[in-house]
Amino acid sequence: MEQDGGPLSARPALESEGLRFLHVTVGSLLATYGWYVVLCCALLYAVFQKLSTRLRASRGSQLDAAAAEPDAVVK
């Protein structure tokens, strides 16, 4: 196994410092707010599914109403 900092030493110092900062920042945010992020994603998914079901049902009822009166479509 490589020594600590082995893969990062091939990169410029500024880039490796930025990557370390990003790693620490993202890790800290996920450690602090990880469950909130997971719960918000699950809630957004459920809302999206509910809205898409309602939209699909409303489009289906509009298509059924148009198909029920073919004379109105012809005129």
PDB file of N, CA and C in Angstrom:
ATOM      1  N   MET A   1       0.846  -1.176   0.000  1.00  0.00           N
ATOM      2  CA  MET A   1       0.000   0.000   0.000  1.00  0.00           C
ATOM      3  C   MET A   1       0.887   1.235   0.000  1.00  0.00           C
ATOM      4  N   GLU A   2       0.433   2.311  -0.614  1.00  0.00           N
ATOM      5  CA  GLU A   2       1.231   3.521  -0.725  1.00  0.00           C
ATOM      6  C   GLU A   2       1.215   4.304   0.587  1.00  0.00           C
ATOM      7  N   GLN A   3       2.228   5.143   0.743  1.00  0.00           N
ATOM      8  CA  GLN A   3       2.319   5.956   1.941  1.00  0.00           C
ATOM      9  C   GLN A   3       1.262   7.054   1.905  1.00  0.00           C
ATOM     10  N   ASP A   4       1.014   7.644   3.082  1.00  0.00           N
ATOM     11  CA  ASP A   4       0.048   8.751   3.141  1.00  0.00           C
ATOM     12  C   ASP A   4       0.526   9.895   2.269  1.00  0.00           C
ATOM     13  N   GLY A   5      -0.362  10.392   1.442  1.00  0.00           N
ATOM     14  CA  GLY A   5      -0.021  11.515   0.590  1.00  0.00           C
ATOM     15  C   GLY A   5       0.657  11.104  -0.691  1.00  0.00           C
ATOM     16  N   GLY A   6       0.833   9.825  -0.921  1.00  0.00           N
ATOM     17  CA  GLY A   6       1.498   9.343  -2.126  1.00  0.00           C
ATOM     18  C   GLY A   6       0.792   9.766  -3.393  1.00  0.00           C
ATOM     19  N   PRO A   7      -0.502   9.458  -3.544  1.00  0.00           N
ATOM     20  CA  PRO A   7      -1.193   9.853  -4.771  1.00  0.00           C
ATOM     21  C   PRO A   7      -1.346  11.365  -4.910  1.00  0.00           C
ATOM     22  N   LEU A   8      -1.447  12.063  -3.797  1.00  0.00           N
ATOM     23  CA  LEU A   8      -1.620  13.499  -3.853  1.00  0.00           C
ATOM     24  C   LEU A   8      -0.309  14.218  -4.156  1.00  0.00           C
ATOM     25  N   SER A   9       0.829  13.610  -3.868  1.00  0.00           N
ATOM     26  CA  SER A   9       2.102  14.278  -4.088  1.00  0.00           C
ATOM     27  C   SER A   9       2.393  14.458  -5.573  1.00  0.00           C
ATOM     28  N   ALA A  10       1.759  13.675  -6.449  1.00  0.00           N
ATOM     29  CA  ALA A  10       1.961  13.816  -7.881  1.00  0.00           C
ATOM     30  C   ALA A  10       1.234  15.045  -8.419  1.00  0.00           C
ATOM     31  N   ARG A  11       0.282  15.562  -7.694  1.00  0.00           N
ATOM     32  CA  ARG A  11      -0.484  16.727  -8.114  1.00  0.00           C
ATOM     33  C   ARG A  11       0.172  17.994  -7.581  1.00  0.00           C
ATOM     34  N   PRO A  12      -0.133  19.128  -8.186  1.00  0.00           N
ATOM     35  CA  PRO A  12       0.390  20.396  -7.661  1.00  0.00           C
ATOM     36  C   PRO A  12      -0.118  20.652  -6.241  1.00  0.00           C
ATOM     37  N   ALA A  13       0.643  21.402  -5.477  1.00  0.00           N
ATOM     38  CA  ALA A  13       0.314  21.648  -4.072  1.00  0.00           C
ATOM     39  C   ALA A  13      -1.033  22.347  -3.924  1.00  0.00           C
ATOM     40  N   LEU A  14      -1.320  23.301  -4.799  1.00  0.00           N
ATOM     41  CA  LEU A  14      -2.572  24.035  -4.698  1.00  0.00           C
ATOM     42  C   LEU A  14      -3.771  23.125  -4.936  1.00  0.00           C
ATOM     43  N   GLU A  15      -3.657  22.227  -5.910  1.00  0.00           N
ATOM     44  CA  GLU A  15      -4.757  21.315  -6.207  1.00  0.00           C
ATOM     45  C   GLU A  15      -4.974  20.332  -5.064  1.00  0.00           C
ATOM     46  N   SER A  16      -3.913  19.778  -4.518  1.00  0.00           N
ATOM     47  CA  SER A  16      -4.067  18.820  -3.424  1.00  0.00           C
ATOM     48  C   SER A  16      -4.621  19.503  -2.176  1.00  0.00           C
ATOM     49  N   GLU A  17      -4.242  20.769  -1.968  1.00  0.00           N
ATOM     50  CA  GLU A  17      -4.776  21.506  -0.822  1.00  0.00           C
ATOM     51  C   GLU A  17      -6.276  21.755  -1.011  1.00  0.00           C
ATOM     52  N   GLY A  18      -6.687  22.067  -2.235  1.00  0.00           N
ATOM     53  CA  GLY A  18      -8.105  22.278  -2.518  1.00  0.00           C
ATOM     54  C   GLY A  18      -8.900  21.004  -2.351  1.00  0.00           C
ATOM     55  N   LEU A  19      -8.314  19.879  -2.787  1.00  0.00           N
ATOM     56  CA  LEU A  19      -8.998  18.593  -2.627  1.00  0.00           C
ATOM     57  C   LEU A  19      -9.140  18.221  -1.163  1.00  0.00           C
ATOM     58  N   ARG A  20      -8.109  18.480  -0.386  1.00  0.00           N
ATOM     59  CA  ARG A  20      -8.191  18.195   1.047  1.00  0.00           C
ATOM     60  C   ARG A  20      -9.266  19.043   1.710  1.00  0.00           C
ATOM     61  N   PHE A  21      -9.314  20.337   1.341  1.00  0.00           N
ATOM     62  CA  PHE A  21     -10.332  21.232   1.905  1.00  0.00           C
ATOM     63  C   PHE A  21     -11.727  20.754   1.536  1.00  0.00           C
ATOM     64  N   LEU A  22     -11.918  20.364   0.275  1.00  0.00           N
ATOM     65  CA  LEU A  22     -13.214  19.869  -0.170  1.00  0.00           C
ATOM     66  C   LEU A  22     -13.590  18.590   0.568  1.00  0.00           C
ATOM     67  N   HIS A  23     -12.639  17.697   0.720  1.00  0.00           N
ATOM     68  CA  HIS A  23     -12.894  16.433   1.418  1.00  0.00           C
ATOM     69  C   HIS A  23     -13.302  16.686   2.870  1.00  0.00           C
ATOM     70  N   VAL A  24     -12.604  17.572   3.542  1.00  0.00           N
ATOM     71  CA  VAL A  24     -12.908  17.873   4.945  1.00  0.00           C
ATOM     72  C   VAL A  24     -14.260  18.566   5.064  1.00  0.00           C
ATOM     73  N   THR A  25     -14.526  19.502   4.162  1.00  0.00           N
ATOM     74  CA  THR A  25     -15.790  20.251   4.222  1.00  0.00           C
ATOM     75  C   THR A  25     -16.986  19.345   3.962  1.00  0.00           C
ATOM     76  N   VAL A  26     -16.926  18.558   2.893  1.00  0.00           N
ATOM     77  CA  VAL A  26     -18.035  17.665   2.553  1.00  0.00           C
ATOM     78  C   VAL A  26     -18.211  16.606   3.640  1.00  0.00           C
ATOM     79  N   GLY A  27     -17.122  16.064   4.114  1.00  0.00           N
ATOM     80  CA  GLY A  27     -17.200  15.069   5.184  1.00  0.00           C
ATOM     81  C   GLY A  27     -17.821  15.631   6.447  1.00  0.00           C
ATOM     82  N   SER A  28     -17.456  16.857   6.782  1.00  0.00           N
ATOM     83  CA  SER A  28     -18.015  17.495   7.969  1.00  0.00           C
ATOM     84  C   SER A  28     -19.508  17.760   7.801  1.00  0.00           C
ATOM     85  N   LEU A  29     -19.908  18.260   6.632  1.00  0.00           N
ATOM     86  CA  LEU A  29     -21.332  18.520   6.399  1.00  0.00           C
ATOM     87  C   LEU A  29     -22.154  17.238   6.439  1.00  0.00           C
ATOM     88  N   LEU A  30     -21.644  16.176   5.826  1.00  0.00           N
ATOM     89  CA  LEU A  30     -22.376  14.910   5.842  1.00  0.00           C
ATOM     90  C   LEU A  30     -22.430  14.318   7.237  1.00  0.00           C
ATOM     91  N   ALA A  31     -21.369  14.482   8.000  1.00  0.00           N
ATOM     92  CA  ALA A  31     -21.371  13.969   9.366  1.00  0.00           C
ATOM     93  C   ALA A  31     -22.378  14.724  10.226  1.00  0.00           C
ATOM     94  N   THR A  32     -22.528  16.016   9.963  1.00  0.00           N
ATOM     95  CA  THR A  32     -23.433  16.824  10.763  1.00  0.00           C
ATOM     96  C   THR A  32     -24.875  16.706  10.298  1.00  0.00           C
ATOM     97  N   TYR A  33     -25.087  16.797   8.978  1.00  0.00           N
ATOM     98  CA  TYR A  33     -26.441  16.871   8.433  1.00  0.00           C
ATOM     99  C   TYR A  33     -26.815  15.689   7.552  1.00  0.00           C
ATOM    100  N   GLY A  34     -26.120  14.581   7.659  1.00  0.00           N
ATOM    101  CA  GLY A  34     -26.344  13.448   6.768  1.00  0.00           C
ATOM    102  C   GLY A  34     -27.759  12.910   6.787  1.00  0.00           C
ATOM    103  N   TRP A  35     -28.324  12.741   7.965  1.00  0.00           N
ATOM    104  CA  TRP A  35     -29.677  12.191   8.049  1.00  0.00           C
ATOM    105  C   TRP A  35     -30.703  13.163   7.494  1.00  0.00           C
ATOM    106  N   TYR A  36     -30.462  14.443   7.678  1.00  0.00           N
ATOM    107  CA  TYR A  36     -31.382  15.432   7.113  1.00  0.00           C
ATOM    108  C   TYR A  36     -31.359  15.379   5.584  1.00  0.00           C
ATOM    109  N   VAL A  37     -30.185  15.214   5.018  1.00  0.00           N
ATOM    110  CA  VAL A  37     -30.060  15.123   3.556  1.00  0.00           C
ATOM    111  C   VAL A  37     -30.790  13.885   3.044  1.00  0.00           C
ATOM    112  N   VAL A  38     -30.609  12.767   3.709  1.00  0.00           N
ATOM    113  CA  VAL A  38     -31.275  11.527   3.303  1.00  0.00           C
ATOM    114  C   VAL A  38     -32.791  11.664   3.410  1.00  0.00           C
ATOM    115  N   LEU A  39     -33.272  12.205   4.507  1.00  0.00           N
ATOM    116  CA  LEU A  39     -34.715  12.372   4.696  1.00  0.00           C
ATOM    117  C   LEU A  39     -35.307  13.364   3.693  1.00  0.00           C
ATOM    118  N   CYS A  40     -34.599  14.428   3.388  1.00  0.00           N
ATOM    119  CA  CYS A  40     -35.086  15.398   2.395  1.00  0.00           C
ATOM    120  C   CYS A  40     -35.154  14.769   1.011  1.00  0.00           C
ATOM    121  N   CYS A  41     -34.167  13.973   0.656  1.00  0.00           N
ATOM    122  CA  CYS A  41     -34.197  13.287  -0.640  1.00  0.00           C
ATOM    123  C   CYS A  41     -35.363  12.314  -0.718  1.00  0.00           C
ATOM    124  N   ALA A  42     -35.604  11.581   0.352  1.00  0.00           N
ATOM    125  CA  ALA A  42     -36.731  10.643   0.367  1.00  0.00           C
ATOM    126  C   ALA A  42     -38.060  11.392   0.280  1.00  0.00           C
ATOM    127  N   LEU A  43     -38.175  12.513   0.961  1.00  0.00           N
ATOM    128  CA  LEU A  43     -39.391  13.317   0.911  1.00  0.00           C
ATOM    129  C   LEU A  43     -39.613  13.900  -0.483  1.00  0.00           C
ATOM    130  N   LEU A  44     -38.565  14.414  -1.097  1.00  0.00           N
ATOM    131  CA  LEU A  44     -38.684  14.943  -2.455  1.00  0.00           C
ATOM    132  C   LEU A  44     -39.076  13.853  -3.444  1.00  0.00           C
ATOM    133  N   TYR A  45     -38.530  12.662  -3.270  1.00  0.00           N
ATOM    134  CA  TYR A  45     -38.885  11.544  -4.141  1.00  0.00           C
ATOM    135  C   TYR A  45     -40.366  11.194  -3.997  1.00  0.00           C
ATOM    136  N   ALA A  46     -40.862  11.150  -2.763  1.00  0.00           N
ATOM    137  CA  ALA A  46     -42.261  10.817  -2.530  1.00  0.00           C
ATOM    138  C   ALA A  46     -43.183  11.884  -3.115  1.00  0.00           C
ATOM    139  N   VAL A  47     -42.832  13.147  -2.959  1.00  0.00           N
ATOM    140  CA  VAL A  47     -43.648  14.230  -3.519  1.00  0.00           C
ATOM    141  C   VAL A  47     -43.652  14.153  -5.037  1.00  0.00           C
ATOM    142  N   PHE A  48     -42.504  13.901  -5.629  1.00  0.00           N
ATOM    143  CA  PHE A  48     -42.417  13.790  -7.087  1.00  0.00           C
ATOM    144  C   PHE A  48     -43.281  12.640  -7.596  1.00  0.00           C
ATOM    145  N   GLN A  49     -43.241  11.513  -6.918  1.00  0.00           N
ATOM    146  CA  GLN A  49     -44.053  10.372  -7.331  1.00  0.00           C
ATOM    147  C   GLN A  49     -45.543  10.681  -7.205  1.00  0.00           C
ATOM    148  N   LYS A  50     -45.945  11.345  -6.148  1.00  0.00           N
ATOM    149  CA  LYS A  50     -47.344  11.692  -5.939  1.00  0.00           C
ATOM    150  C   LYS A  50     -47.829  12.664  -7.015  1.00  0.00           C
ATOM    151  N   LEU A  51     -47.017  13.667  -7.322  1.00  0.00           N
ATOM    152  CA  LEU A  51     -47.401  14.641  -8.339  1.00  0.00           C
ATOM    153  C   LEU A  51     -47.455  14.016  -9.727  1.00  0.00           C
ATOM    154  N   SER A  52     -46.525  13.139 -10.034  1.00  0.00           N
ATOM    155  CA  SER A  52     -46.546  12.508 -11.350  1.00  0.00           C
ATOM    156  C   SER A  52     -47.751  11.586 -11.496  1.00  0.00           C
ATOM    157  N   THR A  53     -48.166  10.926 -10.420  1.00  0.00           N
ATOM    158  CA  THR A  53     -49.356  10.075 -10.462  1.00  0.00           C
ATOM    159  C   THR A  53     -50.605  10.920 -10.692  1.00  0.00           C
ATOM    160  N   ARG A  54     -50.695  12.038 -10.000  1.00  0.00           N
ATOM    161  CA  ARG A  54     -51.856  12.925 -10.181  1.00  0.00           C
ATOM    162  C   ARG A  54     -51.884  13.508 -11.592  1.00  0.00           C
ATOM    163  N   LEU A  55     -50.740  13.904 -12.099  1.00  0.00           N
ATOM    164  CA  LEU A  55     -50.672  14.470 -13.444  1.00  0.00           C
ATOM    165  C   LEU A  55     -51.056  13.427 -14.483  1.00  0.00           C
ATOM    166  N   ARG A  56     -50.571  12.209 -14.302  1.00  0.00           N
ATOM    167  CA  ARG A  56     -50.903  11.125 -15.229  1.00  0.00           C
ATOM    168  C   ARG A  56     -52.404  10.829 -15.192  1.00  0.00           C
ATOM    169  N   ALA A  57     -53.002  10.861 -14.006  1.00  0.00           N
ATOM    170  CA  ALA A  57     -54.441  10.602 -13.874  1.00  0.00           C
ATOM    171  C   ALA A  57     -55.264  11.716 -14.518  1.00  0.00           C
ATOM    172  N   SER A  58     -54.836  12.958 -14.358  1.00  0.00           N
ATOM    173  CA  SER A  58     -55.594  14.065 -14.952  1.00  0.00           C
ATOM    174  C   SER A  58     -55.480  14.052 -16.475  1.00  0.00           C
ATOM    175  N   ARG A  59     -54.327  13.701 -16.998  1.00  0.00           N
ATOM    176  CA  ARG A  59     -54.174  13.588 -18.448  1.00  0.00           C
ATOM    177  C   ARG A  59     -55.013  12.439 -18.993  1.00  0.00           C
ATOM    178  N   GLY A  60     -55.080  11.359 -18.263  1.00  0.00           N
ATOM    179  CA  GLY A  60     -55.870  10.209 -18.686  1.00  0.00           C
ATOM    180  C   GLY A  60     -57.350  10.533 -18.727  1.00  0.00           C
ATOM    181  N   SER A  61     -57.839  11.297 -17.743  1.00  0.00           N
ATOM    182  CA  SER A  61     -59.258  11.660 -17.729  1.00  0.00           C
ATOM    183  C   SER A  61     -59.578  12.632 -18.863  1.00  0.00           C
ATOM    184  N   GLN A  62     -58.635  13.506 -19.210  1.00  0.00           N
ATOM    185  CA  GLN A  62     -58.854  14.416 -20.339  1.00  0.00           C
ATOM    186  C   GLN A  62     -58.913  13.640 -21.648  1.00  0.00           C
ATOM    187  N   LEU A  63     -58.053  12.650 -21.787  1.00  0.00           N
ATOM    188  CA  LEU A  63     -58.055  11.841 -23.001  1.00  0.00           C
ATOM    189  C   LEU A  63     -59.321  10.987 -23.087  1.00  0.00           C
ATOM    190  N   ASP A  64     -59.805  10.483 -21.964  1.00  0.00           N
ATOM    191  CA  ASP A  64     -61.038   9.696 -21.950  1.00  0.00           C
ATOM    192  C   ASP A  64     -62.235  10.561 -22.342  1.00  0.00           C
ATOM    193  N   ALA A  65     -62.269  11.798 -21.881  1.00  0.00           N
ATOM    194  CA  ALA A  65     -63.374  12.696 -22.212  1.00  0.00           C
ATOM    195  C   ALA A  65     -63.369  13.017 -23.706  1.00  0.00           C
ATOM    196  N   ALA A  66     -62.218  13.186 -24.273  1.00  0.00           N
ATOM    197  CA  ALA A  66     -62.123  13.485 -25.704  1.00  0.00           C
ATOM    198  C   ALA A  66     -62.481  12.259 -26.533  1.00  0.00           C
ATOM    199  N   ALA A  67     -62.131  11.089 -26.077  1.00  0.00           N
ATOM    200  CA  ALA A  67     -62.424   9.868 -26.810  1.00  0.00           C
ATOM    201  C   ALA A  67     -63.901   9.503 -26.719  1.00  0.00           C
ATOM    202  N   ALA A  68     -64.600   9.972 -25.695  1.00  0.00           N
ATOM    203  CA  ALA A  68     -66.010   9.638 -25.517  1.00  0.00           C
ATOM    204  C   ALA A  68     -66.892  10.365 -26.535  1.00  0.00           C
ATOM    205  N   GLU A  69     -66.467  11.516 -27.037  1.00  0.00           N
ATOM    206  CA  GLU A  69     -67.263  12.292 -27.980  1.00  0.00           C
ATOM    207  C   GLU A  69     -66.520  12.440 -29.308  1.00  0.00           C
ATOM    208  N   PRO A  70     -66.559  11.442 -30.168  1.00  0.00           N
ATOM    209  CA  PRO A  70     -65.838  11.551 -31.434  1.00  0.00           C
ATOM    210  C   PRO A  70     -66.471  12.570 -32.387  1.00  0.00           C
ATOM    211  N   ASP A  71     -67.777  12.825 -32.254  1.00  0.00           N
ATOM    212  CA  ASP A  71     -68.429  13.808 -33.119  1.00  0.00           C
ATOM    213  C   ASP A  71     -67.900  15.221 -32.848  1.00  0.00           C
ATOM    214  N   ALA A  72     -67.604  15.518 -31.599  1.00  0.00           N
ATOM    215  CA  ALA A  72     -67.073  16.832 -31.249  1.00  0.00           C
ATOM    216  C   ALA A  72     -65.682  17.013 -31.834  1.00  0.00           C
ATOM    217  N   VAL A  73     -64.916  15.947 -31.927  1.00  0.00           N
ATOM    218  CA  VAL A  73     -63.573  16.027 -32.478  1.00  0.00           C
ATOM    219  C   VAL A  73     -63.638  16.255 -33.992  1.00  0.00           C
ATOM    220  N   VAL A  74     -64.590  15.616 -34.652  1.00  0.00           N
ATOM    221  CA  VAL A  74     -64.727  15.723 -36.108  1.00  0.00           C
ATOM    222  C   VAL A  74     -65.169  17.122 -36.510  1.00  0.00           C
ATOM    223  N   LYS A  75     -66.074  17.708 -35.752  1.00  0.00           N
ATOM    224  CA  LYS A  75     -66.593  19.041 -36.072  1.00  0.00           C
ATOM    225  C   LYS A  75     -65.516  20.033 -35.859  1.00  0.00           C
TER     226      LYS A  75
END
